[in-house]
Structures are given as structure tokens and as C-alpha cells.
Amino acid sequence: MAELERPERLQIMLSASELEALENWRFDKRMPSRAAAVRELLRRGLASDGFLVAETGAKSQDFGVVSQQDSKDGA
């Protein structure tokens, strides 16, 4: 069996509004797949400066793609 080019798998859970934001970005940028879009966003995020460092005791649910207000407004 051929060795996979990307042998590691990453599973994430997204809310409906986060998935919609990802899909909208993906189609706007003409990315070929969700995985390609996520890899590109990770690459951009890792290359950026000025991000916040997580507080001690922060939970996964504290980090979202869209703001809580956007989620309530259906954005």
C-alpha cells in the first residue's frame, strides 16, 4: 500500500455558523476542498503575529471562528 502524503488526521467540531464561515471563505478563495481551506487558514494563522496566548484553564469552547453575537444573529 502506498504511503500517505499526509498520514496524520485531525478531527475538529464546528458549529453551523463556523462551518458556514469556512465554506464561504473556501468558495470565495476557490479552494478545492474543506481540508485545503483549513490547511491554508492554519498556514496563515501560524505565520501571523499579534495573536493572544490562551489563559490558564481556557476551554476549547472559549475559542470560536465566529463571535457569539454573529452566531445569535445567524451570521
N, C-alpha and C. Protein backbone atom coordinates (compact mmCIF):
# COMPACT_ATOMS: atom_id res chain seq x y z
N MET A 1 0.84 -1.19 0.00
CA MET A 1 0.00 0.00 0.00
C MET A 1 0.89 1.25 0.00
N ALA A 2 0.51 2.22 -0.79
CA ALA A 2 1.29 3.45 -0.89
C ALA A 2 1.23 4.25 0.42
N GLU A 3 2.35 4.88 0.74
CA GLU A 3 2.40 5.70 1.95
C GLU A 3 1.66 7.02 1.70
N LEU A 4 0.85 7.43 2.66
CA LEU A 4 0.08 8.66 2.52
C LEU A 4 0.98 9.88 2.60
N GLU A 5 0.67 10.87 1.79
CA GLU A 5 1.44 12.12 1.82
C GLU A 5 1.20 12.86 3.13
N ARG A 6 -0.02 12.76 3.66
CA ARG A 6 -0.39 13.39 4.93
C ARG A 6 -0.96 12.31 5.85
N PRO A 7 -0.10 11.61 6.56
CA PRO A 7 -0.58 10.46 7.35
C PRO A 7 -1.30 10.83 8.64
N GLU A 8 -1.23 12.07 9.07
CA GLU A 8 -1.88 12.47 10.32
C GLU A 8 -3.28 12.99 10.05
N ARG A 9 -4.22 12.61 10.90
CA ARG A 9 -5.61 13.03 10.76
C ARG A 9 -5.96 13.93 11.94
N LEU A 10 -6.66 15.01 11.66
CA LEU A 10 -7.11 15.95 12.69
C LEU A 10 -8.61 16.10 12.57
N GLN A 11 -9.31 15.83 13.65
CA GLN A 11 -10.77 15.96 13.65
C GLN A 11 -11.15 17.15 14.51
N ILE A 12 -12.01 18.01 13.98
CA ILE A 12 -12.49 19.16 14.74
C ILE A 12 -14.01 19.22 14.66
N MET A 13 -14.61 19.81 15.66
CA MET A 13 -16.05 20.01 15.70
C MET A 13 -16.31 21.49 15.44
N LEU A 14 -17.27 21.80 14.57
CA LEU A 14 -17.63 23.16 14.26
C LEU A 14 -19.13 23.36 14.46
N SER A 15 -19.49 24.57 14.87
CA SER A 15 -20.92 24.90 14.92
C SER A 15 -21.38 25.15 13.48
N ALA A 16 -22.67 25.25 13.29
CA ALA A 16 -23.21 25.50 11.96
C ALA A 16 -22.69 26.83 11.41
N SER A 17 -22.60 27.85 12.25
CA SER A 17 -22.14 29.16 11.78
C SER A 17 -20.64 29.13 11.47
N GLU A 18 -19.85 28.36 12.22
CA GLU A 18 -18.43 28.23 11.93
C GLU A 18 -18.22 27.50 10.60
N LEU A 19 -18.99 26.43 10.38
CA LEU A 19 -18.88 25.70 9.12
C LEU A 19 -19.30 26.58 7.95
N GLU A 20 -20.34 27.37 8.14
CA GLU A 20 -20.77 28.29 7.08
C GLU A 20 -19.68 29.31 6.77
N ALA A 21 -19.02 29.84 7.80
CA ALA A 21 -17.93 30.79 7.58
C ALA A 21 -16.79 30.13 6.82
N LEU A 22 -16.43 28.90 7.18
CA LEU A 22 -15.38 28.17 6.48
C LEU A 22 -15.75 27.93 5.03
N GLU A 23 -16.97 27.46 4.79
CA GLU A 23 -17.42 27.18 3.43
C GLU A 23 -17.47 28.45 2.59
N ASN A 24 -17.94 29.55 3.15
CA ASN A 24 -17.98 30.82 2.41
C ASN A 24 -16.58 31.27 2.03
N TRP A 25 -15.64 31.15 2.98
CA TRP A 25 -14.25 31.53 2.71
C TRP A 25 -13.66 30.62 1.63
N ARG A 26 -13.92 29.33 1.78
CA ARG A 26 -13.40 28.34 0.82
C ARG A 26 -13.87 28.64 -0.60
N PHE A 27 -15.15 28.87 -0.76
CA PHE A 27 -15.67 29.12 -2.11
C PHE A 27 -15.19 30.47 -2.65
N ASP A 28 -15.10 31.47 -1.79
CA ASP A 28 -14.61 32.78 -2.21
C ASP A 28 -13.17 32.70 -2.71
N LYS A 29 -12.37 31.86 -2.06
CA LYS A 29 -10.95 31.70 -2.43
C LYS A 29 -10.74 30.57 -3.44
N ARG A 30 -11.82 29.91 -3.84
CA ARG A 30 -11.78 28.81 -4.81
C ARG A 30 -10.87 27.66 -4.35
N MET A 31 -10.93 27.36 -3.07
CA MET A 31 -10.14 26.25 -2.54
C MET A 31 -10.78 24.93 -2.98
N PRO A 32 -9.99 23.92 -3.31
CA PRO A 32 -10.55 22.68 -3.86
C PRO A 32 -11.29 21.80 -2.85
N SER A 33 -11.04 21.99 -1.55
CA SER A 33 -11.68 21.14 -0.54
C SER A 33 -11.70 21.85 0.80
N ARG A 34 -12.51 21.32 1.72
CA ARG A 34 -12.50 21.85 3.09
C ARG A 34 -11.12 21.67 3.71
N ALA A 35 -10.53 20.50 3.49
CA ALA A 35 -9.21 20.23 4.07
C ALA A 35 -8.17 21.23 3.58
N ALA A 36 -8.20 21.53 2.28
CA ALA A 36 -7.26 22.51 1.73
C ALA A 36 -7.50 23.88 2.35
N ALA A 37 -8.76 24.25 2.53
CA ALA A 37 -9.10 25.54 3.13
C ALA A 37 -8.60 25.61 4.57
N VAL A 38 -8.80 24.55 5.33
CA VAL A 38 -8.35 24.53 6.72
C VAL A 38 -6.83 24.60 6.78
N ARG A 39 -6.13 23.86 5.91
CA ARG A 39 -4.67 23.92 5.89
C ARG A 39 -4.18 25.33 5.55
N GLU A 40 -4.84 26.00 4.60
CA GLU A 40 -4.44 27.35 4.23
C GLU A 40 -4.68 28.32 5.38
N LEU A 41 -5.81 28.19 6.06
CA LEU A 41 -6.09 29.06 7.20
C LEU A 41 -5.11 28.80 8.34
N LEU A 42 -4.74 27.55 8.57
CA LEU A 42 -3.73 27.23 9.58
C LEU A 42 -2.38 27.84 9.20
N ARG A 43 -2.00 27.71 7.93
CA ARG A 43 -0.73 28.28 7.46
C ARG A 43 -0.71 29.78 7.70
N ARG A 44 -1.80 30.45 7.34
CA ARG A 44 -1.88 31.91 7.53
C ARG A 44 -1.86 32.27 9.01
N GLY A 45 -2.57 31.51 9.82
CA GLY A 45 -2.61 31.79 11.25
C GLY A 45 -1.26 31.59 11.91
N LEU A 46 -0.58 30.53 11.55
CA LEU A 46 0.73 30.25 12.14
C LEU A 46 1.78 31.27 11.70
N ALA A 47 1.58 31.86 10.52
CA ALA A 47 2.53 32.85 10.02
C ALA A 47 2.25 34.26 10.55
N SER A 48 1.11 34.45 11.19
CA SER A 48 0.73 35.80 11.63
C SER A 48 1.34 36.15 12.98
N ASP A 49 1.35 37.44 13.25
CA ASP A 49 1.81 37.95 14.54
C ASP A 49 0.62 38.59 15.25
N GLY A 50 0.78 38.83 16.53
CA GLY A 50 -0.23 39.57 17.26
C GLY A 50 -1.39 38.74 17.77
N PHE A 51 -1.23 37.44 17.89
CA PHE A 51 -2.31 36.63 18.41
C PHE A 51 -2.23 36.55 19.93
N LEU A 52 -3.34 36.22 20.55
CA LEU A 52 -3.41 36.12 22.00
C LEU A 52 -2.91 34.77 22.47
N VAL A 53 -2.32 34.73 23.63
CA VAL A 53 -1.91 33.48 24.26
C VAL A 53 -3.05 33.04 25.17
N ALA A 54 -3.40 31.78 25.11
CA ALA A 54 -4.53 31.26 25.88
C ALA A 54 -4.26 31.40 27.38
N GLU A 55 -5.27 31.80 28.10
CA GLU A 55 -5.19 31.90 29.55
C GLU A 55 -5.14 30.50 30.18
N THR A 56 -4.55 30.37 31.33
CA THR A 56 -4.55 29.11 32.04
C THR A 56 -5.98 28.70 32.35
N GLY A 57 -6.32 27.47 32.08
CA GLY A 57 -7.66 26.97 32.35
C GLY A 57 -8.66 27.25 31.23
N ALA A 58 -8.20 27.83 30.12
CA ALA A 58 -9.11 28.09 29.00
C ALA A 58 -9.63 26.78 28.44
N LYS A 59 -10.87 26.80 27.99
CA LYS A 59 -11.51 25.60 27.44
C LYS A 59 -11.66 25.74 25.94
N SER A 60 -11.76 24.62 25.26
CA SER A 60 -11.92 24.61 23.81
C SER A 60 -13.10 25.47 23.38
N GLN A 61 -14.18 25.42 24.13
CA GLN A 61 -15.38 26.17 23.76
C GLN A 61 -15.17 27.68 23.82
N ASP A 62 -14.09 28.12 24.47
CA ASP A 62 -13.77 29.55 24.55
C ASP A 62 -13.19 30.09 23.24
N PHE A 63 -12.86 29.22 22.31
CA PHE A 63 -12.23 29.61 21.05
C PHE A 63 -13.14 29.26 19.90
N GLY A 64 -13.65 30.27 19.22
CA GLY A 64 -14.54 30.05 18.10
C GLY A 64 -14.07 30.80 16.87
N VAL A 65 -14.63 30.42 15.74
CA VAL A 65 -14.30 31.06 14.47
C VAL A 65 -15.08 32.35 14.31
N VAL A 66 -16.34 32.32 14.70
CA VAL A 66 -17.20 33.50 14.60
C VAL A 66 -17.56 33.94 16.02
N SER A 67 -17.88 35.21 16.18
CA SER A 67 -18.20 35.72 17.51
C SER A 67 -19.53 35.14 17.98
N GLN A 68 -19.74 35.14 19.28
CA GLN A 68 -21.00 34.65 19.85
C GLN A 68 -22.16 35.47 19.31
N GLN A 69 -21.98 36.78 19.15
CA GLN A 69 -23.05 37.64 18.64
C GLN A 69 -23.42 37.26 17.22
N ASP A 70 -22.42 36.98 16.37
CA ASP A 70 -22.69 36.56 15.00
C ASP A 70 -23.50 35.27 14.98
N SER A 71 -23.19 34.35 15.90
CA SER A 71 -23.91 33.08 15.98
C SER A 71 -25.37 33.31 16.33
N LYS A 72 -25.63 34.25 17.23
CA LYS A 72 -27.00 34.54 17.65
C LYS A 72 -27.78 35.23 16.53
N ASP A 73 -27.08 36.03 15.72
CA ASP A 73 -27.73 36.75 14.62
C ASP A 73 -27.91 35.88 13.38
N GLY A 74 -27.38 34.66 13.42
CA GLY A 74 -27.49 33.76 12.29
C GLY A 74 -26.46 33.98 11.21
N ALA A 75 -25.40 34.73 11.55
CA ALA A 75 -24.34 35.01 10.56
C ALA A 75 -23.38 33.85 10.45
